[in-house]
Amino acid sequence: MFNDVLIVCHANVCRSPAAEQLFRARLRERAASHAGAFHSAGLRAREGVDMDPVMQRLLAERGVEVGEHRSRRLTSRLVRQADLVLVTERHQVGEVERIEPTARGKVYALGNWENSDVADPHGQDEAMYRDSLELMDRLVKGWLSRICQ
């Protein structure tokens, strides 16, 4: 069982906070007894930035409540505290492991089971946001089926 799951992307304003909220929402839907925490950070995040408004709106359309989000930069401490670290792009596994070498073995791509990356839609057209969100939702459901048994 994973009690602390950290989701990581580039800036922590679009993909990782969306995946964080999807994990929480899908877990509630399953009425699962998993009591763990889901949170997010960004490899190059500026501290305190709001979540991308387009992604917020698209999550709301899916019935996913976002609440308040402020970006934060990934630190070795956050990585050490996490039981599982999920990154939005496969190449980010190595970046996380460079920040915290002891993380080896607990850092995986969100798209690990599909051998896929979640493209960064930030600043792109809405169709790209929708595609990324659809993929993340499917990937989150896949992870939940594996970590919440």
N, C-alpha and C. Protein backbone atom coordinates (compact mmCIF):
# COMPACT_ATOMS: atom_id res chain seq x y z
N MET A 1 0.85 -1.18 0.00
CA MET A 1 0.00 0.00 0.00
C MET A 1 0.89 1.24 0.00
N PHE A 2 0.50 2.21 -0.78
CA PHE A 2 1.23 3.46 -0.87
C PHE A 2 0.46 4.53 -0.12
N ASN A 3 1.07 5.06 0.93
CA ASN A 3 0.40 6.07 1.75
C ASN A 3 0.64 7.49 1.27
N ASP A 4 1.70 7.69 0.50
CA ASP A 4 2.06 9.03 0.06
C ASP A 4 2.48 8.96 -1.41
N VAL A 5 1.63 9.47 -2.29
CA VAL A 5 1.91 9.43 -3.72
C VAL A 5 2.14 10.87 -4.21
N LEU A 6 3.28 11.08 -4.84
CA LEU A 6 3.67 12.38 -5.36
C LEU A 6 3.64 12.34 -6.88
N ILE A 7 2.93 13.28 -7.49
CA ILE A 7 2.87 13.36 -8.94
C ILE A 7 3.69 14.57 -9.38
N VAL A 8 4.54 14.37 -10.38
CA VAL A 8 5.50 15.40 -10.78
C VAL A 8 5.38 15.69 -12.27
N CYS A 9 5.40 16.99 -12.60
CA CYS A 9 5.49 17.42 -14.00
C CYS A 9 6.53 18.54 -14.06
N HIS A 10 6.47 19.34 -15.10
CA HIS A 10 7.47 20.39 -15.28
C HIS A 10 7.25 21.57 -14.33
N ALA A 11 6.07 22.20 -14.37
CA ALA A 11 5.85 23.45 -13.65
C ALA A 11 4.82 23.37 -12.52
N ASN A 12 4.14 22.24 -12.38
CA ASN A 12 3.14 22.04 -11.33
C ASN A 12 1.98 23.03 -11.42
N VAL A 13 1.60 23.35 -12.66
CA VAL A 13 0.43 24.21 -12.84
C VAL A 13 -0.64 23.55 -13.71
N CYS A 14 -0.31 22.43 -14.34
CA CYS A 14 -1.27 21.85 -15.28
C CYS A 14 -1.41 20.34 -15.07
N ARG A 15 -0.44 19.56 -15.52
CA ARG A 15 -0.58 18.11 -15.50
C ARG A 15 -0.54 17.50 -14.10
N SER A 16 0.48 17.80 -13.32
CA SER A 16 0.57 17.13 -12.02
C SER A 16 -0.55 17.52 -11.07
N PRO A 17 -0.98 18.79 -10.99
CA PRO A 17 -2.12 19.07 -10.12
C PRO A 17 -3.41 18.45 -10.65
N ALA A 18 -3.55 18.35 -11.99
CA ALA A 18 -4.74 17.70 -12.55
C ALA A 18 -4.74 16.22 -12.18
N ALA A 19 -3.61 15.55 -12.32
CA ALA A 19 -3.53 14.13 -11.96
C ALA A 19 -3.78 13.94 -10.47
N GLU A 20 -3.24 14.83 -9.66
CA GLU A 20 -3.47 14.77 -8.20
C GLU A 20 -4.96 14.80 -7.90
N GLN A 21 -5.67 15.73 -8.52
CA GLN A 21 -7.11 15.84 -8.28
C GLN A 21 -7.88 14.66 -8.87
N LEU A 22 -7.43 14.15 -9.99
CA LEU A 22 -8.07 12.97 -10.57
C LEU A 22 -7.91 11.76 -9.65
N PHE A 23 -6.72 11.59 -9.07
CA PHE A 23 -6.52 10.49 -8.13
C PHE A 23 -7.51 10.59 -6.97
N ARG A 24 -7.62 11.77 -6.40
CA ARG A 24 -8.53 11.96 -5.27
C ARG A 24 -9.98 11.69 -5.66
N ALA A 25 -10.39 12.25 -6.80
CA ALA A 25 -11.78 12.09 -7.24
C ALA A 25 -12.10 10.63 -7.57
N ARG A 26 -11.23 9.96 -8.29
CA ARG A 26 -11.49 8.57 -8.68
C ARG A 26 -11.45 7.64 -7.48
N LEU A 27 -10.63 7.97 -6.51
CA LEU A 27 -10.58 7.17 -5.29
C LEU A 27 -11.89 7.31 -4.51
N ARG A 28 -12.42 8.54 -4.44
CA ARG A 28 -13.71 8.75 -3.78
C ARG A 28 -14.82 7.98 -4.49
N GLU A 29 -14.80 7.98 -5.81
CA GLU A 29 -15.81 7.27 -6.59
C GLU A 29 -15.80 5.77 -6.29
N ARG A 30 -14.61 5.25 -6.06
CA ARG A 30 -14.48 3.82 -5.79
C ARG A 30 -14.85 3.49 -4.35
N ALA A 31 -15.03 4.52 -3.53
CA ALA A 31 -15.29 4.33 -2.10
C ALA A 31 -14.23 3.41 -1.51
N ALA A 32 -13.01 3.61 -1.99
CA ALA A 32 -11.89 2.77 -1.54
C ALA A 32 -11.47 3.18 -0.13
N SER A 33 -10.92 2.25 0.56
CA SER A 33 -10.48 2.51 1.94
C SER A 33 -9.05 3.05 1.99
N HIS A 34 -8.47 3.33 0.83
CA HIS A 34 -7.11 3.87 0.79
C HIS A 34 -7.10 5.23 1.48
N ALA A 35 -6.29 5.35 2.51
CA ALA A 35 -6.25 6.59 3.28
C ALA A 35 -5.02 7.43 2.96
N GLY A 36 -4.37 7.11 1.88
CA GLY A 36 -3.14 7.79 1.54
C GLY A 36 -3.35 9.20 1.03
N ALA A 37 -2.24 9.89 0.89
CA ALA A 37 -2.24 11.28 0.42
C ALA A 37 -1.71 11.33 -1.00
N PHE A 38 -2.32 12.20 -1.80
CA PHE A 38 -1.86 12.47 -3.15
C PHE A 38 -1.50 13.95 -3.21
N HIS A 39 -0.32 14.24 -3.71
CA HIS A 39 0.08 15.64 -3.85
C HIS A 39 1.00 15.76 -5.05
N SER A 40 1.38 16.99 -5.38
CA SER A 40 2.12 17.22 -6.61
C SER A 40 3.20 18.28 -6.43
N ALA A 41 4.13 18.27 -7.39
CA ALA A 41 5.22 19.26 -7.43
C ALA A 41 5.74 19.32 -8.86
N GLY A 42 6.57 20.32 -9.13
CA GLY A 42 7.13 20.49 -10.47
C GLY A 42 8.65 20.56 -10.45
N LEU A 43 9.26 19.97 -11.44
CA LEU A 43 10.71 19.98 -11.54
C LEU A 43 11.27 21.39 -11.67
N ARG A 44 10.57 22.25 -12.37
CA ARG A 44 11.04 23.63 -12.59
C ARG A 44 9.98 24.64 -12.14
N ALA A 45 9.18 24.26 -11.18
CA ALA A 45 8.06 25.11 -10.75
C ALA A 45 8.52 26.40 -10.10
N ARG A 46 7.75 27.45 -10.37
CA ARG A 46 7.86 28.69 -9.59
C ARG A 46 6.88 28.53 -8.45
N GLU A 47 7.27 28.88 -7.27
CA GLU A 47 6.42 28.71 -6.08
C GLU A 47 5.19 29.60 -6.14
N GLY A 48 4.05 29.04 -5.78
CA GLY A 48 2.85 29.81 -5.54
C GLY A 48 2.00 30.20 -6.73
N VAL A 49 2.19 29.57 -7.88
CA VAL A 49 1.41 29.90 -9.07
C VAL A 49 0.10 29.09 -9.06
N ASP A 50 -0.99 29.74 -9.47
CA ASP A 50 -2.29 29.06 -9.56
C ASP A 50 -2.27 27.98 -10.64
N MET A 51 -3.22 27.07 -10.53
CA MET A 51 -3.41 26.04 -11.54
C MET A 51 -3.90 26.68 -12.84
N ASP A 52 -3.48 26.13 -13.95
CA ASP A 52 -3.89 26.60 -15.27
C ASP A 52 -5.42 26.66 -15.33
N PRO A 53 -5.99 27.82 -15.70
CA PRO A 53 -7.45 27.98 -15.68
C PRO A 53 -8.18 27.08 -16.68
N VAL A 54 -7.56 26.80 -17.81
CA VAL A 54 -8.21 25.91 -18.78
C VAL A 54 -8.33 24.51 -18.19
N MET A 55 -7.26 24.03 -17.57
CA MET A 55 -7.30 22.70 -16.96
C MET A 55 -8.30 22.68 -15.81
N GLN A 56 -8.37 23.73 -15.02
CA GLN A 56 -9.36 23.80 -13.94
C GLN A 56 -10.77 23.66 -14.49
N ARG A 57 -11.05 24.39 -15.55
CA ARG A 57 -12.39 24.35 -16.15
C ARG A 57 -12.72 22.95 -16.68
N LEU A 58 -11.75 22.33 -17.34
CA LEU A 58 -11.99 21.00 -17.90
C LEU A 58 -12.17 19.95 -16.81
N LEU A 59 -11.45 20.09 -15.72
CA LEU A 59 -11.66 19.19 -14.58
C LEU A 59 -13.06 19.38 -14.01
N ALA A 60 -13.48 20.63 -13.87
CA ALA A 60 -14.81 20.93 -13.35
C ALA A 60 -15.89 20.31 -14.24
N GLU A 61 -15.68 20.35 -15.56
CA GLU A 61 -16.63 19.73 -16.48
C GLU A 61 -16.78 18.23 -16.21
N ARG A 62 -15.73 17.62 -15.68
CA ARG A 62 -15.75 16.19 -15.35
C ARG A 62 -16.23 15.94 -13.92
N GLY A 63 -16.60 17.01 -13.25
CA GLY A 63 -17.06 16.87 -11.87
C GLY A 63 -15.94 16.74 -10.86
N VAL A 64 -14.73 17.13 -11.25
CA VAL A 64 -13.57 17.05 -10.35
C VAL A 64 -13.34 18.42 -9.74
N GLU A 65 -13.46 18.50 -8.43
CA GLU A 65 -13.25 19.76 -7.72
C GLU A 65 -11.76 19.98 -7.50
N VAL A 66 -11.31 21.17 -7.83
CA VAL A 66 -9.89 21.47 -7.71
C VAL A 66 -9.55 22.12 -6.38
N GLY A 67 -10.37 23.03 -5.92
CA GLY A 67 -10.02 23.74 -4.70
C GLY A 67 -8.86 24.68 -4.96
N GLU A 68 -8.11 24.94 -3.94
CA GLU A 68 -6.97 25.87 -4.05
C GLU A 68 -5.71 25.09 -4.37
N HIS A 69 -4.98 25.55 -5.36
CA HIS A 69 -3.70 24.94 -5.71
C HIS A 69 -2.66 26.04 -5.88
N ARG A 70 -1.50 25.82 -5.31
CA ARG A 70 -0.35 26.69 -5.49
C ARG A 70 0.83 25.80 -5.87
N SER A 71 1.49 26.15 -6.95
CA SER A 71 2.61 25.33 -7.41
C SER A 71 3.74 25.33 -6.39
N ARG A 72 4.51 24.23 -6.47
CA ARG A 72 5.71 24.14 -5.64
C ARG A 72 6.76 23.33 -6.38
N ARG A 73 8.00 23.67 -6.08
CA ARG A 73 9.13 23.03 -6.74
C ARG A 73 9.46 21.71 -6.03
N LEU A 74 9.80 20.72 -6.83
CA LEU A 74 10.19 19.42 -6.29
C LEU A 74 11.48 19.56 -5.49
N THR A 75 11.50 18.93 -4.33
CA THR A 75 12.70 18.91 -3.48
C THR A 75 13.03 17.46 -3.15
N SER A 76 14.26 17.24 -2.73
CA SER A 76 14.66 15.88 -2.33
C SER A 76 13.82 15.43 -1.13
N ARG A 77 13.46 16.34 -0.27
CA ARG A 77 12.63 16.00 0.90
C ARG A 77 11.26 15.45 0.47
N LEU A 78 10.62 16.11 -0.49
CA LEU A 78 9.32 15.63 -0.99
C LEU A 78 9.46 14.23 -1.58
N VAL A 79 10.53 14.01 -2.31
CA VAL A 79 10.74 12.70 -2.93
C VAL A 79 10.97 11.64 -1.86
N ARG A 80 11.80 11.96 -0.87
CA ARG A 80 12.06 10.99 0.21
C ARG A 80 10.80 10.63 0.98
N GLN A 81 9.92 11.60 1.19
CA GLN A 81 8.69 11.36 1.94
C GLN A 81 7.69 10.49 1.19
N ALA A 82 7.75 10.51 -0.11
CA ALA A 82 6.78 9.79 -0.93
C ALA A 82 7.09 8.29 -0.97
N ASP A 83 6.03 7.50 -0.99
CA ASP A 83 6.19 6.05 -1.18
C ASP A 83 6.26 5.72 -2.67
N LEU A 84 5.61 6.56 -3.47
CA LEU A 84 5.55 6.36 -4.92
C LEU A 84 5.59 7.74 -5.57
N VAL A 85 6.43 7.89 -6.59
CA VAL A 85 6.52 9.14 -7.35
C VAL A 85 6.16 8.83 -8.80
N LEU A 86 5.17 9.54 -9.31
CA LEU A 86 4.73 9.35 -10.69
C LEU A 86 5.03 10.62 -11.48
N VAL A 87 5.71 10.46 -12.60
CA VAL A 87 6.07 11.59 -13.44
C VAL A 87 5.24 11.55 -14.72
N THR A 88 5.01 12.70 -15.32
CA THR A 88 4.14 12.77 -16.49
C THR A 88 4.86 12.39 -17.78
N GLU A 89 6.20 12.44 -17.77
CA GLU A 89 6.98 12.05 -18.96
C GLU A 89 8.08 11.10 -18.52
N ARG A 90 8.33 10.09 -19.31
CA ARG A 90 9.29 9.04 -18.93
C ARG A 90 10.68 9.59 -18.66
N HIS A 91 11.14 10.60 -19.41
CA HIS A 91 12.49 11.12 -19.18
C HIS A 91 12.61 11.79 -17.81
N GLN A 92 11.48 12.14 -17.19
CA GLN A 92 11.52 12.80 -15.88
C GLN A 92 11.90 11.84 -14.76
N VAL A 93 11.81 10.54 -15.01
CA VAL A 93 12.24 9.58 -13.99
C VAL A 93 13.68 9.87 -13.61
N GLY A 94 14.55 10.02 -14.60
CA GLY A 94 15.96 10.30 -14.34
C GLY A 94 16.17 11.64 -13.66
N GLU A 95 15.37 12.63 -14.01
CA GLU A 95 15.50 13.95 -13.38
C GLU A 95 15.17 13.87 -11.89
N VAL A 96 14.12 13.14 -11.56
CA VAL A 96 13.75 12.98 -10.14
C VAL A 96 14.86 12.22 -9.41
N GLU A 97 15.37 11.18 -10.03
CA GLU A 97 16.43 10.39 -9.38
C GLU A 97 17.72 11.18 -9.22
N ARG A 98 17.97 12.17 -10.09
CA ARG A 98 19.14 13.04 -9.91
C ARG A 98 18.93 13.98 -8.71
N ILE A 99 17.70 14.42 -8.51
CA ILE A 99 17.40 15.29 -7.36
C ILE A 99 17.52 14.49 -6.06
N GLU A 100 17.07 13.24 -6.09
CA GLU A 100 17.13 12.38 -4.90
C GLU A 100 17.52 10.97 -5.33
N PRO A 101 18.82 10.66 -5.29
CA PRO A 101 19.31 9.35 -5.75
C PRO A 101 18.70 8.15 -5.02
N THR A 102 18.25 8.33 -3.81
CA THR A 102 17.66 7.20 -3.07
C THR A 102 16.26 6.85 -3.59
N ALA A 103 15.74 7.64 -4.52
CA ALA A 103 14.38 7.42 -5.05
C ALA A 103 14.33 6.28 -6.06
N ARG A 104 15.47 5.80 -6.49
CA ARG A 104 15.49 4.74 -7.50
C ARG A 104 14.62 3.57 -7.04
N GLY A 105 13.74 3.15 -7.93
CA GLY A 105 12.85 2.04 -7.61
C GLY A 105 11.46 2.45 -7.16
N LYS A 106 11.28 3.75 -6.91
CA LYS A 106 9.94 4.21 -6.53
C LYS A 106 9.44 5.34 -7.43
N VAL A 107 10.16 5.59 -8.52
CA VAL A 107 9.77 6.62 -9.47
C VAL A 107 9.37 5.95 -10.79
N TYR A 108 8.15 6.22 -11.22
CA TYR A 108 7.62 5.62 -12.44
C TYR A 108 6.89 6.67 -13.26
N ALA A 109 6.77 6.40 -14.54
CA ALA A 109 5.96 7.27 -15.40
C ALA A 109 4.49 6.99 -15.12
N LEU A 110 3.70 8.04 -15.11
CA LEU A 110 2.26 7.89 -14.98
C LEU A 110 1.76 6.96 -16.08
N GLY A 111 2.35 7.06 -17.27
CA GLY A 111 1.98 6.21 -18.40
C GLY A 111 2.77 4.92 -18.49
N ASN A 112 3.32 4.47 -17.38
CA ASN A 112 4.16 3.28 -17.34
C ASN A 112 3.50 2.06 -17.99
N TRP A 113 2.24 1.82 -17.70
CA TRP A 113 1.56 0.61 -18.17
C TRP A 113 1.20 0.71 -19.65
N GLU A 114 1.22 1.90 -20.20
CA GLU A 114 0.91 2.09 -21.63
C GLU A 114 2.14 2.56 -22.41
N ASN A 115 3.27 2.67 -21.71
CA ASN A 115 4.50 3.16 -22.34
C ASN A 115 4.25 4.49 -23.04
N SER A 116 3.61 5.42 -22.29
CA SER A 116 3.25 6.70 -22.89
C SER A 116 3.64 7.87 -21.99
N ASP A 117 3.72 9.02 -22.61
CA ASP A 117 3.94 10.28 -21.90
C ASP A 117 2.68 11.11 -21.99
N VAL A 118 2.48 11.97 -20.99
CA VAL A 118 1.36 12.91 -21.03
C VAL A 118 1.93 14.23 -21.54
N ALA A 119 1.51 14.62 -22.75
CA ALA A 119 2.00 15.86 -23.36
C ALA A 119 1.57 17.06 -22.52
N ASP A 120 2.44 18.05 -22.46
CA ASP A 120 2.15 19.27 -21.72
C ASP A 120 1.27 20.19 -22.56
N PRO A 121 0.00 20.37 -22.18
CA PRO A 121 -0.88 21.21 -22.98
C PRO A 121 -0.81 22.69 -22.64
N HIS A 122 -0.09 23.04 -21.57
CA HIS A 122 -0.06 24.42 -21.09
C HIS A 122 0.24 25.39 -22.22
N GLY A 123 -0.69 26.32 -22.44
CA GLY A 123 -0.52 27.34 -23.47
C GLY A 123 -0.89 26.88 -24.87
N GLN A 124 -1.34 25.63 -25.01
CA GLN A 124 -1.73 25.09 -26.31
C GLN A 124 -3.24 25.26 -26.52
N ASP A 125 -3.76 24.71 -27.59
CA ASP A 125 -5.20 24.82 -27.82
C ASP A 125 -5.96 23.85 -26.91
N GLU A 126 -7.25 24.12 -26.76
CA GLU A 126 -8.06 23.35 -25.82
C GLU A 126 -8.11 21.86 -26.16
N ALA A 127 -8.03 21.53 -27.42
CA ALA A 127 -8.05 20.13 -27.82
C ALA A 127 -6.89 19.36 -27.20
N MET A 128 -5.73 20.00 -27.11
CA MET A 128 -4.57 19.34 -26.49
C MET A 128 -4.80 19.14 -24.99
N TYR A 129 -5.40 20.13 -24.34
CA TYR A 129 -5.74 19.99 -22.92
C TYR A 129 -6.67 18.79 -22.75
N ARG A 130 -7.69 18.71 -23.59
CA ARG A 130 -8.67 17.61 -23.49
C ARG A 130 -8.00 16.26 -23.70
N ASP A 131 -7.11 16.18 -24.68
CA ASP A 131 -6.39 14.93 -24.94
C ASP A 131 -5.54 14.52 -23.74
N SER A 132 -4.81 15.48 -23.20
CA SER A 132 -3.95 15.19 -22.04
C SER A 132 -4.78 14.77 -20.83
N LEU A 133 -5.88 15.47 -20.61
CA LEU A 133 -6.73 15.14 -19.47
C LEU A 133 -7.37 13.76 -19.63
N GLU A 134 -7.82 13.44 -20.82
CA GLU A 134 -8.40 12.12 -21.08
C GLU A 134 -7.38 11.02 -20.82
N LEU A 135 -6.16 11.22 -21.30
CA LEU A 135 -5.10 10.25 -21.06
C LEU A 135 -4.80 10.13 -19.58
N MET A 136 -4.66 11.25 -18.89
CA MET A 136 -4.37 11.20 -17.45
C MET A 136 -5.46 10.48 -16.68
N ASP A 137 -6.70 10.73 -17.03
CA ASP A 137 -7.80 10.07 -16.34
C ASP A 137 -7.70 8.56 -16.50
N ARG A 138 -7.43 8.10 -17.70
CA ARG A 138 -7.29 6.66 -17.95
C ARG A 138 -6.10 6.09 -17.18
N LEU A 139 -4.98 6.82 -17.18
CA LEU A 139 -3.78 6.35 -16.50
C LEU A 139 -3.98 6.31 -14.98
N VAL A 140 -4.65 7.31 -14.45
CA VAL A 140 -4.94 7.34 -13.01
C VAL A 140 -5.78 6.13 -12.62
N LYS A 141 -6.80 5.84 -13.39
CA LYS A 141 -7.65 4.67 -13.10
C LYS A 141 -6.82 3.39 -13.12
N GLY A 142 -5.89 3.30 -14.07
CA GLY A 142 -5.01 2.14 -14.14
C GLY A 142 -4.13 2.00 -12.91
N TRP A 143 -3.55 3.11 -12.46
CA TRP A 143 -2.73 3.07 -11.25
C TRP A 143 -3.56 2.71 -10.03
N LEU A 144 -4.74 3.28 -9.93
CA LEU A 144 -5.59 2.97 -8.76
C LEU A 144 -5.93 1.49 -8.71
N SER A 145 -6.14 0.89 -9.86
CA SER A 145 -6.46 -0.54 -9.86
C SER A 145 -5.27 -1.37 -9.36
N ARG A 146 -4.09 -0.81 -9.43
CA ARG A 146 -2.88 -1.53 -8.99
C ARG A 146 -2.50 -1.20 -7.54
N ILE A 147 -2.73 0.02 -7.09
CA ILE A 147 -2.25 0.39 -5.76
C ILE A 147 -3.33 0.35 -4.69
N CYS A 148 -4.57 0.19 -5.07
CA CYS A 148 -5.67 0.14 -4.11
C CYS A 148 -6.45 -1.15 -4.30
N GLN A 149 -5.93 -2.22 -3.80
CA GLN A 149 -6.58 -3.51 -4.00
C GLN A 149 -7.35 -3.95 -2.79
